[in-house]
Amino acid sequence: MSKFMNDAVMDAALDKWGTGTILTVCSAQPTSRTEAVSTYALADVTLTGGSFTKSDGDVSGRKSRISQQSNIPIDFSGSATHVAVCDGTILLGCTTCTAQTLTAGGTVTVPAFDYEVLDVA
């Protein structure tokens, strides 16, 4: 018997991802919300429900795309290595980004990126 998972189950995980309220550009990989929004944060932007779009995955399953976030004010100078998404209480997830030096007072743009839940195998 082959394995199957209904799209609604995958969408439930994507719905939790879609509760993100802040995107931060970080100088290291955060492992907690405090690290993402304070310890390693170089720049941050508020996310809204409109920042997330669910659709079929590129390979299989389902995905949620976070839209491009443009002209994010840089609060602290440093080398950006990660992008994190948090809700009001937890770090929901993070990913690497192209390493670049950020300078306080400038702006940074984070291109659109996906979180994908693959079909079961």
PDB file of N, CA and C in Angstrom:
ATOM      1  N   MET A   1       0.848  -1.178   0.000  1.00  0.00           N
ATOM      2  CA  MET A   1       0.000   0.000   0.000  1.00  0.00           C
ATOM      3  C   MET A   1       0.892   1.238   0.000  1.00  0.00           C
ATOM      4  N   SER A   2       0.614   2.182  -0.883  1.00  0.00           N
ATOM      5  CA  SER A   2       1.397   3.412  -0.937  1.00  0.00           C
ATOM      6  C   SER A   2       0.966   4.362   0.176  1.00  0.00           C
ATOM      7  N   LYS A   3       1.798   5.361   0.432  1.00  0.00           N
ATOM      8  CA  LYS A   3       1.509   6.346   1.476  1.00  0.00           C
ATOM      9  C   LYS A   3       0.771   7.529   0.862  1.00  0.00           C
ATOM     10  N   PHE A   4      -0.038   8.184   1.690  1.00  0.00           N
ATOM     11  CA  PHE A   4      -0.817   9.331   1.233  1.00  0.00           C
ATOM     12  C   PHE A   4      -0.991  10.297   2.392  1.00  0.00           C
ATOM     13  N   MET A   5      -0.934  11.590   2.099  1.00  0.00           N
ATOM     14  CA  MET A   5      -1.268  12.610   3.080  1.00  0.00           C
ATOM     15  C   MET A   5      -2.081  13.672   2.360  1.00  0.00           C
ATOM     16  N   ASN A   6      -3.232  13.988   2.907  1.00  0.00           N
ATOM     17  CA  ASN A   6      -4.117  14.971   2.330  1.00  0.00           C
ATOM     18  C   ASN A   6      -3.479  16.356   2.378  1.00  0.00           C
ATOM     19  N   ASP A   7      -3.720  17.172   1.345  1.00  0.00           N
ATOM     20  CA  ASP A   7      -3.180  18.536   1.310  1.00  0.00           C
ATOM     21  C   ASP A   7      -3.582  19.342   2.551  1.00  0.00           C
ATOM     22  N   ALA A   8      -4.749  19.054   3.122  1.00  0.00           N
ATOM     23  CA  ALA A   8      -5.202  19.796   4.301  1.00  0.00           C
ATOM     24  C   ALA A   8      -4.257  19.602   5.486  1.00  0.00           C
ATOM     25  N   VAL A   9      -3.643  18.431   5.592  1.00  0.00           N
ATOM     26  CA  VAL A   9      -2.688  18.177   6.672  1.00  0.00           C
ATOM     27  C   VAL A   9      -1.433  19.028   6.461  1.00  0.00           C
ATOM     28  N   MET A  10      -0.925  19.055   5.247  1.00  0.00           N
ATOM     29  CA  MET A  10       0.249  19.883   4.950  1.00  0.00           C
ATOM     30  C   MET A  10      -0.080  21.365   5.110  1.00  0.00           C
ATOM     31  N   ASP A  11      -1.284  21.746   4.695  1.00  0.00           N
ATOM     32  CA  ASP A  11      -1.692  23.141   4.840  1.00  0.00           C
ATOM     33  C   ASP A  11      -1.761  23.561   6.305  1.00  0.00           C
ATOM     34  N   ALA A  12      -2.061  22.625   7.205  1.00  0.00           N
ATOM     35  CA  ALA A  12      -2.097  22.959   8.632  1.00  0.00           C
ATOM     36  C   ALA A  12      -0.715  23.410   9.105  1.00  0.00           C
ATOM     37  N   ALA A  13       0.331  22.734   8.649  1.00  0.00           N
ATOM     38  CA  ALA A  13       1.699  23.155   8.992  1.00  0.00           C
ATOM     39  C   ALA A  13       1.997  24.518   8.370  1.00  0.00           C
ATOM     40  N   LEU A  14       1.573  24.711   7.134  1.00  0.00           N
ATOM     41  CA  LEU A  14       1.805  25.992   6.459  1.00  0.00           C
ATOM     42  C   LEU A  14       1.005  27.116   7.113  1.00  0.00           C
ATOM     43  N   ASP A  15      -0.167  26.780   7.659  1.00  0.00           N
ATOM     44  CA  ASP A  15      -0.957  27.790   8.368  1.00  0.00           C
ATOM     45  C   ASP A  15      -0.204  28.279   9.605  1.00  0.00           C
ATOM     46  N   LYS A  16       0.459  27.367  10.332  1.00  0.00           N
ATOM     47  CA  LYS A  16       1.254  27.777  11.499  1.00  0.00           C
ATOM     48  C   LYS A  16       2.401  28.669  11.041  1.00  0.00           C
ATOM     49  N   TRP A  17       3.093  28.284   9.976  1.00  0.00           N
ATOM     50  CA  TRP A  17       4.167  29.104   9.397  1.00  0.00           C
ATOM     51  C   TRP A  17       3.627  30.489   9.062  1.00  0.00           C
ATOM     52  N   GLY A  18       2.396  30.550   8.573  1.00  0.00           N
ATOM     53  CA  GLY A  18       1.780  31.813   8.176  1.00  0.00           C
ATOM     54  C   GLY A  18       1.372  32.710   9.340  1.00  0.00           C
ATOM     55  N   THR A  19       1.593  32.254  10.574  1.00  0.00           N
ATOM     56  CA  THR A  19       1.319  33.112  11.733  1.00  0.00           C
ATOM     57  C   THR A  19       2.526  33.997  12.045  1.00  0.00           C
ATOM     58  N   GLY A  20       3.577  33.901  11.240  1.00  0.00           N
ATOM     59  CA  GLY A  20       4.754  34.734  11.450  1.00  0.00           C
ATOM     60  C   GLY A  20       4.404  36.216  11.411  1.00  0.00           C
ATOM     61  N   THR A  21       4.939  36.960  12.369  1.00  0.00           N
ATOM     62  CA  THR A  21       4.645  38.389  12.456  1.00  0.00           C
ATOM     63  C   THR A  21       5.890  39.248  12.286  1.00  0.00           C
ATOM     64  N   ILE A  22       7.072  38.608  12.300  1.00  0.00           N
ATOM     65  CA  ILE A  22       8.309  39.374  12.143  1.00  0.00           C
ATOM     66  C   ILE A  22       9.328  38.535  11.379  1.00  0.00           C
ATOM     67  N   LEU A  23       9.982  39.170  10.433  1.00  0.00           N
ATOM     68  CA  LEU A  23      11.085  38.571   9.691  1.00  0.00           C
ATOM     69  C   LEU A  23      12.343  39.338  10.088  1.00  0.00           C
ATOM     70  N   THR A  24      13.373  38.621  10.492  1.00  0.00           N
ATOM     71  CA  THR A  24      14.619  39.275  10.880  1.00  0.00           C
ATOM     72  C   THR A  24      15.778  38.763  10.041  1.00  0.00           C
ATOM     73  N   VAL A  25      16.700  39.656   9.747  1.00  0.00           N
ATOM     74  CA  VAL A  25      17.957  39.303   9.087  1.00  0.00           C
ATOM     75  C   VAL A  25      18.973  39.208  10.214  1.00  0.00           C
ATOM     76  N   CYS A  26      19.643  38.057  10.309  1.00  0.00           N
ATOM     77  CA  CYS A  26      20.478  37.754  11.469  1.00  0.00           C
ATOM     78  C   CYS A  26      21.945  37.533  11.099  1.00  0.00           C
ATOM     79  N   SER A  27      22.809  37.738  12.092  1.00  0.00           N
ATOM     80  CA  SER A  27      24.251  37.566  11.911  1.00  0.00           C
ATOM     81  C   SER A  27      24.714  36.141  12.208  1.00  0.00           C
ATOM     82  N   ALA A  28      23.829  35.287  12.709  1.00  0.00           N
ATOM     83  CA  ALA A  28      24.117  33.880  12.986  1.00  0.00           C
ATOM     84  C   ALA A  28      22.792  33.136  12.995  1.00  0.00           C
ATOM     85  N   GLN A  29      22.856  31.813  13.001  1.00  0.00           N
ATOM     86  CA  GLN A  29      21.623  31.029  13.016  1.00  0.00           C
ATOM     87  C   GLN A  29      20.993  31.079  14.405  1.00  0.00           C
ATOM     88  N   PRO A  30      19.798  31.632  14.516  1.00  0.00           N
ATOM     89  CA  PRO A  30      19.133  31.661  15.811  1.00  0.00           C
ATOM     90  C   PRO A  30      18.517  30.299  16.137  1.00  0.00           C
ATOM     91  N   THR A  31      18.443  29.992  17.419  1.00  0.00           N
ATOM     92  CA  THR A  31      17.785  28.763  17.870  1.00  0.00           C
ATOM     93  C   THR A  31      16.614  29.071  18.790  1.00  0.00           C
ATOM     94  N   SER A  32      16.329  30.351  18.985  1.00  0.00           N
ATOM     95  CA  SER A  32      15.197  30.768  19.810  1.00  0.00           C
ATOM     96  C   SER A  32      14.672  32.104  19.284  1.00  0.00           C
ATOM     97  N   ARG A  33      13.482  32.478  19.721  1.00  0.00           N
ATOM     98  CA  ARG A  33      12.920  33.762  19.313  1.00  0.00           C
ATOM     99  C   ARG A  33      13.787  34.910  19.821  1.00  0.00           C
ATOM    100  N   THR A  34      14.285  34.802  21.039  1.00  0.00           N
ATOM    101  CA  THR A  34      15.132  35.860  21.606  1.00  0.00           C
ATOM    102  C   THR A  34      16.369  36.078  20.742  1.00  0.00           C
ATOM    103  N   GLU A  35      17.005  34.992  20.321  1.00  0.00           N
ATOM    104  CA  GLU A  35      18.180  35.144  19.453  1.00  0.00           C
ATOM    105  C   GLU A  35      17.801  35.763  18.117  1.00  0.00           C
ATOM    106  N   ALA A  36      16.633  35.383  17.584  1.00  0.00           N
ATOM    107  CA  ALA A  36      16.211  35.886  16.269  1.00  0.00           C
ATOM    108  C   ALA A  36      15.852  37.364  16.292  1.00  0.00           C
ATOM    109  N   VAL A  37      15.194  37.825  17.347  1.00  0.00           N
ATOM    110  CA  VAL A  37      14.716  39.212  17.357  1.00  0.00           C
ATOM    111  C   VAL A  37      15.605  40.156  18.157  1.00  0.00           C
ATOM    112  N   SER A  38      16.613  39.612  18.844  1.00  0.00           N
ATOM    113  CA  SER A  38      17.466  40.468  19.665  1.00  0.00           C
ATOM    114  C   SER A  38      18.950  40.157  19.485  1.00  0.00           C
ATOM    115  N   THR A  39      19.366  38.991  19.947  1.00  0.00           N
ATOM    116  CA  THR A  39      20.798  38.652  19.991  1.00  0.00           C
ATOM    117  C   THR A  39      21.489  38.791  18.639  1.00  0.00           C
ATOM    118  N   TYR A  40      20.917  38.202  17.584  1.00  0.00           N
ATOM    119  CA  TYR A  40      21.550  38.172  16.268  1.00  0.00           C
ATOM    120  C   TYR A  40      20.893  39.091  15.240  1.00  0.00           C
ATOM    121  N   ALA A  41      19.846  39.801  15.613  1.00  0.00           N
ATOM    122  CA  ALA A  41      19.081  40.607  14.657  1.00  0.00           C
ATOM    123  C   ALA A  41      19.868  41.828  14.185  1.00  0.00           C
ATOM    124  N   LEU A  42      19.927  41.981  12.869  1.00  0.00           N
ATOM    125  CA  LEU A  42      20.538  43.161  12.255  1.00  0.00           C
ATOM    126  C   LEU A  42      19.477  44.076  11.657  1.00  0.00           C
ATOM    127  N   ALA A  43      18.391  43.478  11.180  1.00  0.00           N
ATOM    128  CA  ALA A  43      17.298  44.226  10.549  1.00  0.00           C
ATOM    129  C   ALA A  43      16.021  43.417  10.725  1.00  0.00           C
ATOM    130  N   ASP A  44      14.877  44.102  10.763  1.00  0.00           N
ATOM    131  CA  ASP A  44      13.611  43.381  10.912  1.00  0.00           C
ATOM    132  C   ASP A  44      12.482  44.131  10.235  1.00  0.00           C
ATOM    133  N   VAL A  45      11.457  43.353   9.882  1.00  0.00           N
ATOM    134  CA  VAL A  45      10.267  43.920   9.251  1.00  0.00           C
ATOM    135  C   VAL A  45       9.046  43.158   9.763  1.00  0.00           C
ATOM    136  N   THR A  46       7.942  43.856   9.920  1.00  0.00           N
ATOM    137  CA  THR A  46       6.695  43.238  10.336  1.00  0.00           C
ATOM    138  C   THR A  46       6.065  42.518   9.152  1.00  0.00           C
ATOM    139  N   LEU A  47       5.606  41.286   9.396  1.00  0.00           N
ATOM    140  CA  LEU A  47       4.911  40.504   8.375  1.00  0.00           C
ATOM    141  C   LEU A  47       3.418  40.559   8.646  1.00  0.00           C
ATOM    142  N   THR A  48       2.637  40.456   7.573  1.00  0.00           N
ATOM    143  CA  THR A  48       1.186  40.377   7.688  1.00  0.00           C
ATOM    144  C   THR A  48       0.735  39.092   7.012  1.00  0.00           C
ATOM    145  N   GLY A  49      -0.508  38.729   7.204  1.00  0.00           N
ATOM    146  CA  GLY A  49      -1.043  37.543   6.544  1.00  0.00           C
ATOM    147  C   GLY A  49      -0.860  37.597   5.043  1.00  0.00           C
ATOM    148  N   GLY A  50      -0.871  38.796   4.479  1.00  0.00           N
ATOM    149  CA  GLY A  50      -0.680  38.962   3.043  1.00  0.00           C
ATOM    150  C   GLY A  50       0.737  38.682   2.575  1.00  0.00           C
ATOM    151  N   SER A  51       1.659  38.498   3.523  1.00  0.00           N
ATOM    152  CA  SER A  51       3.052  38.195   3.174  1.00  0.00           C
ATOM    153  C   SER A  51       3.223  36.735   2.779  1.00  0.00           C
ATOM    154  N   PHE A  52       2.227  35.891   3.068  1.00  0.00           N
ATOM    155  CA  PHE A  52       2.307  34.443   2.846  1.00  0.00           C
ATOM    156  C   PHE A  52       1.295  34.013   1.804  1.00  0.00           C
ATOM    157  N   THR A  53       1.744  33.178   0.849  1.00  0.00           N
ATOM    158  CA  THR A  53       0.846  32.646  -0.175  1.00  0.00           C
ATOM    159  C   THR A  53       1.052  31.144  -0.282  1.00  0.00           C
ATOM    160  N   LYS A  54      -0.003  30.358  -0.068  1.00  0.00           N
ATOM    161  CA  LYS A  54       0.063  28.896  -0.182  1.00  0.00           C
ATOM    162  C   LYS A  54      -0.259  28.464  -1.613  1.00  0.00           C
ATOM    163  N   SER A  55       0.416  27.387  -2.040  1.00  0.00           N
ATOM    164  CA  SER A  55       0.144  26.818  -3.358  1.00  0.00           C
ATOM    165  C   SER A  55       0.725  25.407  -3.407  1.00  0.00           C
ATOM    166  N   ASP A  56       0.539  24.728  -4.556  1.00  0.00           N
ATOM    167  CA  ASP A  56       1.181  23.433  -4.742  1.00  0.00           C
ATOM    168  C   ASP A  56       2.689  23.610  -4.705  1.00  0.00           C
ATOM    169  N   GLY A  57       3.396  22.609  -4.180  1.00  0.00           N
ATOM    170  CA  GLY A  57       4.850  22.661  -4.103  1.00  0.00           C
ATOM    171  C   GLY A  57       5.494  22.563  -5.478  1.00  0.00           C
ATOM    172  N   ASP A  58       6.753  22.985  -5.567  1.00  0.00           N
ATOM    173  CA  ASP A  58       7.502  22.911  -6.829  1.00  0.00           C
ATOM    174  C   ASP A  58       7.795  21.472  -7.209  1.00  0.00           C
ATOM    175  N   VAL A  59       8.098  20.649  -6.206  1.00  0.00           N
ATOM    176  CA  VAL A  59       8.434  19.241  -6.441  1.00  0.00           C
ATOM    177  C   VAL A  59       7.215  18.371  -6.187  1.00  0.00           C
ATOM    178  N   SER A  60       6.589  18.546  -5.045  1.00  0.00           N
ATOM    179  CA  SER A  60       5.381  17.819  -4.660  1.00  0.00           C
ATOM    180  C   SER A  60       4.806  18.520  -3.435  1.00  0.00           C
ATOM    181  N   GLY A  61       3.709  18.020  -2.915  1.00  0.00           N
ATOM    182  CA  GLY A  61       3.174  18.575  -1.681  1.00  0.00           C
ATOM    183  C   GLY A  61       2.653  19.982  -1.834  1.00  0.00           C
ATOM    184  N   ARG A  62       2.924  20.797  -0.811  1.00  0.00           N
ATOM    185  CA  ARG A  62       2.420  22.164  -0.750  1.00  0.00           C
ATOM    186  C   ARG A  62       3.545  23.090  -0.309  1.00  0.00           C
ATOM    187  N   LYS A  63       3.390  24.390  -0.576  1.00  0.00           N
ATOM    188  CA  LYS A  63       4.399  25.357  -0.154  1.00  0.00           C
ATOM    189  C   LYS A  63       3.732  26.650   0.253  1.00  0.00           C
ATOM    190  N   SER A  64       4.486  27.433   1.016  1.00  0.00           N
ATOM    191  CA  SER A  64       4.077  28.782   1.384  1.00  0.00           C
ATOM    192  C   SER A  64       5.211  29.707   0.974  1.00  0.00           C
ATOM    193  N   ARG A  65       4.895  30.717   0.206  1.00  0.00           N
ATOM    194  CA  ARG A  65       5.890  31.695  -0.237  1.00  0.00           C
ATOM    195  C   ARG A  65       5.747  32.965   0.591  1.00  0.00           C
ATOM    196  N   ILE A  66       6.874  33.421   1.130  1.00  0.00           N
ATOM    197  CA  ILE A  66       6.920  34.731   1.766  1.00  0.00           C
ATOM    198  C   ILE A  66       7.327  35.717   0.681  1.00  0.00           C
ATOM    199  N   SER A  67       6.523  36.731   0.499  1.00  0.00           N
ATOM    200  CA  SER A  67       6.802  37.709  -0.549  1.00  0.00           C
ATOM    201  C   SER A  67       8.084  38.490  -0.250  1.00  0.00           C
ATOM    202  N   GLN A  68       8.652  39.055  -1.313  1.00  0.00           N
ATOM    203  CA  GLN A  68       9.852  39.877  -1.146  1.00  0.00           C
ATOM    204  C   GLN A  68       9.579  40.992  -0.149  1.00  0.00           C
ATOM    205  N   GLN A  69      10.539  41.209   0.732  1.00  0.00           N
ATOM    206  CA  GLN A  69      10.459  42.284   1.721  1.00  0.00           C
ATOM    207  C   GLN A  69      11.525  43.311   1.348  1.00  0.00           C
ATOM    208  N   SER A  70      11.099  44.452   0.864  1.00  0.00           N
ATOM    209  CA  SER A  70      12.011  45.459   0.321  1.00  0.00           C
ATOM    210  C   SER A  70      12.292  46.579   1.314  1.00  0.00           C
ATOM    211  N   ASN A  71      13.494  47.128   1.198  1.00  0.00           N
ATOM    212  CA  ASN A  71      13.892  48.322   1.963  1.00  0.00           C
ATOM    213  C   ASN A  71      13.693  48.172   3.465  1.00  0.00           C
ATOM    214  N   ILE A  72      14.143  47.043   4.004  1.00  0.00           N
ATOM    215  CA  ILE A  72      14.072  46.808   5.446  1.00  0.00           C
ATOM    216  C   ILE A  72      15.154  47.655   6.105  1.00  0.00           C
ATOM    217  N   PRO A  73      14.798  48.497   7.066  1.00  0.00           N
ATOM    218  CA  PRO A  73      15.808  49.325   7.738  1.00  0.00           C
ATOM    219  C   PRO A  73      16.810  48.453   8.515  1.00  0.00           C
ATOM    220  N   ILE A  74      18.090  48.753   8.354  1.00  0.00           N
ATOM    221  CA  ILE A  74      19.146  48.035   9.058  1.00  0.00           C
ATOM    222  C   ILE A  74      19.404  48.765  10.376  1.00  0.00           C
ATOM    223  N   ASP A  75      19.236  48.041  11.485  1.00  0.00           N
ATOM    224  CA  ASP A  75      19.408  48.628  12.817  1.00  0.00           C
ATOM    225  C   ASP A  75      20.844  48.505  13.331  1.00  0.00           C
ATOM    226  N   PHE A  76      21.528  47.407  12.959  1.00  0.00           N
ATOM    227  CA  PHE A  76      22.877  47.152  13.455  1.00  0.00           C
ATOM    228  C   PHE A  76      23.776  46.686  12.319  1.00  0.00           C
ATOM    229  N   SER A  77      25.016  47.118  12.319  1.00  0.00           N
ATOM    230  CA  SER A  77      25.987  46.677  11.316  1.00  0.00           C
ATOM    231  C   SER A  77      26.462  45.261  11.635  1.00  0.00           C
ATOM    232  N   GLY A  78      26.734  44.485  10.584  1.00  0.00           N
ATOM    233  CA  GLY A  78      27.237  43.134  10.766  1.00  0.00           C
ATOM    234  C   GLY A  78      27.114  42.345   9.492  1.00  0.00           C
ATOM    235  N   SER A  79      27.519  41.092   9.556  1.00  0.00           N
ATOM    236  CA  SER A  79      27.470  40.198   8.403  1.00  0.00           C
ATOM    237  C   SER A  79      26.198  39.350   8.467  1.00  0.00           C
ATOM    238  N   ALA A  80      25.299  39.550   7.521  1.00  0.00           N
ATOM    239  CA  ALA A  80      24.041  38.803   7.478  1.00  0.00           C
ATOM    240  C   ALA A  80      24.300  37.404   6.938  1.00  0.00           C
ATOM    241  N   THR A  81      23.796  36.388   7.653  1.00  0.00           N
ATOM    242  CA  THR A  81      23.962  35.000   7.222  1.00  0.00           C
ATOM    243  C   THR A  81      22.654  34.207   7.226  1.00  0.00           C
ATOM    244  N   HIS A  82      21.637  34.697   7.949  1.00  0.00           N
ATOM    245  CA  HIS A  82      20.385  33.965   8.090  1.00  0.00           C
ATOM    246  C   HIS A  82      19.187  34.922   8.072  1.00  0.00           C
ATOM    247  N   VAL A  83      18.037  34.357   7.709  1.00  0.00           N
ATOM    248  CA  VAL A  83      16.767  35.056   7.783  1.00  0.00           C
ATOM    249  C   VAL A  83      15.850  34.195   8.646  1.00  0.00           C
ATOM    250  N   ALA A  84      15.214  34.820   9.639  1.00  0.00           N
ATOM    251  CA  ALA A  84      14.349  34.085  10.569  1.00  0.00           C
ATOM    252  C   ALA A  84      12.935  34.640  10.525  1.00  0.00           C
ATOM    253  N   VAL A  85      11.975  33.769  10.838  1.00  0.00           N
ATOM    254  CA  VAL A  85      10.572  34.157  10.939  1.00  0.00           C
ATOM    255  C   VAL A  85      10.062  33.719  12.305  1.00  0.00           C
ATOM    256  N   CYS A  86       9.443  34.653  13.026  1.00  0.00           N
ATOM    257  CA  CYS A  86       8.909  34.383  14.358  1.00  0.00           C
ATOM    258  C   CYS A  86       7.468  34.855  14.445  1.00  0.00           C
ATOM    259  N   ASP A  87       6.732  34.238  15.377  1.00  0.00           N
ATOM    260  CA  ASP A  87       5.441  34.797  15.749  1.00  0.00           C
ATOM    261  C   ASP A  87       5.648  35.528  17.070  1.00  0.00           C
ATOM    262  N   GLY A  88       4.616  35.743  17.838  1.00  0.00           N
ATOM    263  CA  GLY A  88       4.750  36.495  19.073  1.00  0.00           C
ATOM    264  C   GLY A  88       5.472  35.771  20.187  1.00  0.00           C
ATOM    265  N   THR A  89       5.641  34.446  20.056  1.00  0.00           N
ATOM    266  CA  THR A  89       6.252  33.690  21.155  1.00  0.00           C
ATOM    267  C   THR A  89       7.382  32.759  20.766  1.00  0.00           C
ATOM    268  N   ILE A  90       7.427  32.284  19.518  1.00  0.00           N
ATOM    269  CA  ILE A  90       8.459  31.302  19.151  1.00  0.00           C
ATOM    270  C   ILE A  90       9.136  31.632  17.819  1.00  0.00           C
ATOM    271  N   LEU A  91      10.312  31.060  17.651  1.00  0.00           N
ATOM    272  CA  LEU A  91      11.007  31.051  16.366  1.00  0.00           C
ATOM    273  C   LEU A  91      10.331  29.975  15.531  1.00  0.00           C
ATOM    274  N   LEU A  92       9.705  30.364  14.428  1.00  0.00           N
ATOM    275  CA  LEU A  92       9.017  29.401  13.573  1.00  0.00           C
ATOM    276  C   LEU A  92       9.987  28.682  12.647  1.00  0.00           C
ATOM    277  N   GLY A  93      11.025  29.378  12.194  1.00  0.00           N
ATOM    278  CA  GLY A  93      11.994  28.765  11.295  1.00  0.00           C
ATOM    279  C   GLY A  93      12.997  29.787  10.815  1.00  0.00           C
ATOM    280  N   CYS A  94      14.054  29.283  10.207  1.00  0.00           N
ATOM    281  CA  CYS A  94      15.057  30.178   9.624  1.00  0.00           C
ATOM    282  C   CYS A  94      15.709  29.487   8.445  1.00  0.00           C
ATOM    283  N   THR A  95      16.386  30.274   7.650  1.00  0.00           N
ATOM    284  CA  THR A  95      17.094  29.778   6.485  1.00  0.00           C
ATOM    285  C   THR A  95      18.360  30.601   6.294  1.00  0.00           C
ATOM    286  N   THR A  96      19.273  30.065   5.520  1.00  0.00           N
ATOM    287  CA  THR A  96      20.478  30.829   5.208  1.00  0.00           C
ATOM    288  C   THR A  96      20.149  31.866   4.141  1.00  0.00           C
ATOM    289  N   CYS A  97      21.010  32.845   4.026  1.00  0.00           N
ATOM    290  CA  CYS A  97      20.890  33.839   2.962  1.00  0.00           C
ATOM    291  C   CYS A  97      22.283  34.080   2.400  1.00  0.00           C
ATOM    292  N   THR A  98      22.341  34.749   1.282  1.00  0.00           N
ATOM    293  CA  THR A  98      23.632  35.116   0.714  1.00  0.00           C
ATOM    294  C   THR A  98      24.333  36.031   1.710  1.00  0.00           C
ATOM    295  N   ALA A  99      25.523  35.620   2.156  1.00  0.00           N
ATOM    296  CA  ALA A  99      26.254  36.421   3.147  1.00  0.00           C
ATOM    297  C   ALA A  99      26.568  37.792   2.569  1.00  0.00           C
ATOM    298  N   GLN A 100      26.295  38.810   3.366  1.00  0.00           N
ATOM    299  CA  GLN A 100      26.583  40.175   2.942  1.00  0.00           C
ATOM    300  C   GLN A 100      26.762  41.053   4.170  1.00  0.00           C
ATOM    301  N   THR A 101      27.568  42.079   4.027  1.00  0.00           N
ATOM    302  CA  THR A 101      27.797  43.021   5.104  1.00  0.00           C
ATOM    303  C   THR A 101      26.711  44.082   5.086  1.00  0.00           C
ATOM    304  N   LEU A 102      26.060  44.264   6.229  1.00  0.00           N
ATOM    305  CA  LEU A 102      25.025  45.280   6.360  1.00  0.00           C
ATOM    306  C   LEU A 102      25.552  46.428   7.207  1.00  0.00           C
ATOM    307  N   THR A 103      25.157  47.637   6.861  1.00  0.00           N
ATOM    308  CA  THR A 103      25.588  48.830   7.586  1.00  0.00           C
ATOM    309  C   THR A 103      24.379  49.532   8.187  1.00  0.00           C
ATOM    310  N   ALA A 104      24.436  49.781   9.499  1.00  0.00           N
ATOM    311  CA  ALA A 104      23.337  50.453  10.193  1.00  0.00           C
ATOM    312  C   ALA A 104      22.975  51.750   9.483  1.00  0.00           C
ATOM    313  N   GLY A 105      21.687  51.996   9.364  1.00  0.00           N
ATOM    314  CA  GLY A 105      21.197  53.193   8.692  1.00  0.00           C
ATOM    315  C   GLY A 105      20.822  52.948   7.243  1.00  0.00           C
ATOM    316  N   GLY A 106      21.292  51.839   6.677  1.00  0.00           N
ATOM    317  CA  GLY A 106      20.946  51.492   5.295  1.00  0.00           C
ATOM    318  C   GLY A 106      19.687  50.646   5.256  1.00  0.00           C
ATOM    319  N   THR A 107      19.460  50.012   4.124  1.00  0.00           N
ATOM    320  CA  THR A 107      18.325  49.105   3.973  1.00  0.00           C
ATOM    321  C   THR A 107      18.798  47.824   3.313  1.00  0.00           C
ATOM    322  N   VAL A 108      18.001  46.780   3.476  1.00  0.00           N
ATOM    323  CA  VAL A 108      18.289  45.489   2.862  1.00  0.00           C
ATOM    324  C   VAL A 108      16.979  44.933   2.309  1.00  0.00           C
ATOM    325  N   THR A 109      17.057  44.179   1.232  1.00  0.00           N
ATOM    326  CA  THR A 109      15.898  43.524   0.647  1.00  0.00           C
ATOM    327  C   THR A 109      16.068  42.015   0.762  1.00  0.00           C
ATOM    328  N   VAL A 110      15.034  41.339   1.236  1.00  0.00           N
ATOM    329  CA  VAL A 110      15.025  39.879   1.303  1.00  0.00           C
ATOM    330  C   VAL A 110      14.110  39.398   0.184  1.00  0.00           C
ATOM    331  N   PRO A 111      14.666  38.663  -0.794  1.00  0.00           N
ATOM    332  CA  PRO A 111      13.820  38.188  -1.889  1.00  0.00           C
ATOM    333  C   PRO A 111      12.794  37.173  -1.400  1.00  0.00           C
ATOM    334  N   ALA A 112      11.769  36.950  -2.190  1.00  0.00           N
ATOM    335  CA  ALA A 112      10.759  35.942  -1.860  1.00  0.00           C
ATOM    336  C   ALA A 112      11.437  34.591  -1.672  1.00  0.00           C
ATOM    337  N   PHE A 113      10.905  33.800  -0.731  1.00  0.00           N
ATOM    338  CA  PHE A 113      11.408  32.442  -0.550  1.00  0.00           C
ATOM    339  C   PHE A 113      10.276  31.541  -0.088  1.00  0.00           C
ATOM    340  N   ASP A 114      10.472  30.229  -0.283  1.00  0.00           N
ATOM    341  CA  ASP A 114       9.428  29.235  -0.008  1.00  0.00           C
ATOM    342  C   ASP A 114       9.805  28.348   1.164  1.00  0.00           C
ATOM    343  N   TYR A 115       8.770  27.899   1.849  1.00  0.00           N
ATOM    344  CA  TYR A 115       8.845  26.796   2.808  1.00  0.00           C
ATOM    345  C   TYR A 115       7.973  25.719   2.207  1.00  0.00           C
ATOM    346  N   GLU A 116       8.552  24.550   1.901  1.00  0.00           N
ATOM    347  CA  GLU A 116       7.826  23.516   1.180  1.00  0.00           C
ATOM    348  C   GLU A 116       7.699  22.243   1.998  1.00  0.00           C
ATOM    349  N   VAL A 117       6.488  21.690   2.039  1.00  0.00           N
ATOM    350  CA  VAL A 117       6.210  20.415   2.684  1.00  0.00           C
ATOM    351  C   VAL A 117       5.997  19.402   1.552  1.00  0.00           C
ATOM    352  N   LEU A 118       6.898  18.437   1.451  1.00  0.00           N
ATOM    353  CA  LEU A 118       6.833  17.460   0.369  1.00  0.00           C
ATOM    354  C   LEU A 118       5.805  16.379   0.665  1.00  0.00           C
ATOM    355  N   ASP A 119       5.269  15.769  -0.398  1.00  0.00           N
ATOM    356  CA  ASP A 119       4.411  14.621  -0.224  1.00  0.00           C
ATOM    357  C   ASP A 119       5.173  13.515   0.485  1.00  0.00           C
ATOM    358  N   VAL A 120       4.439  12.661   1.207  1.00  0.00           N
ATOM    359  CA  VAL A 120       5.075  11.535   1.892  1.00  0.00           C
ATOM    360  C   VAL A 120       5.656  10.573   0.866  1.00  0.00           C
ATOM    361  N   ALA A 121       6.722   9.905   1.230  1.00  0.00           N
ATOM    362  CA  ALA A 121       7.365   8.961   0.303  1.00  0.00           C
ATOM    363  C   ALA A 121       7.460   7.595   0.924  1.00  0.00           C
TER     364      ALA A 121
END
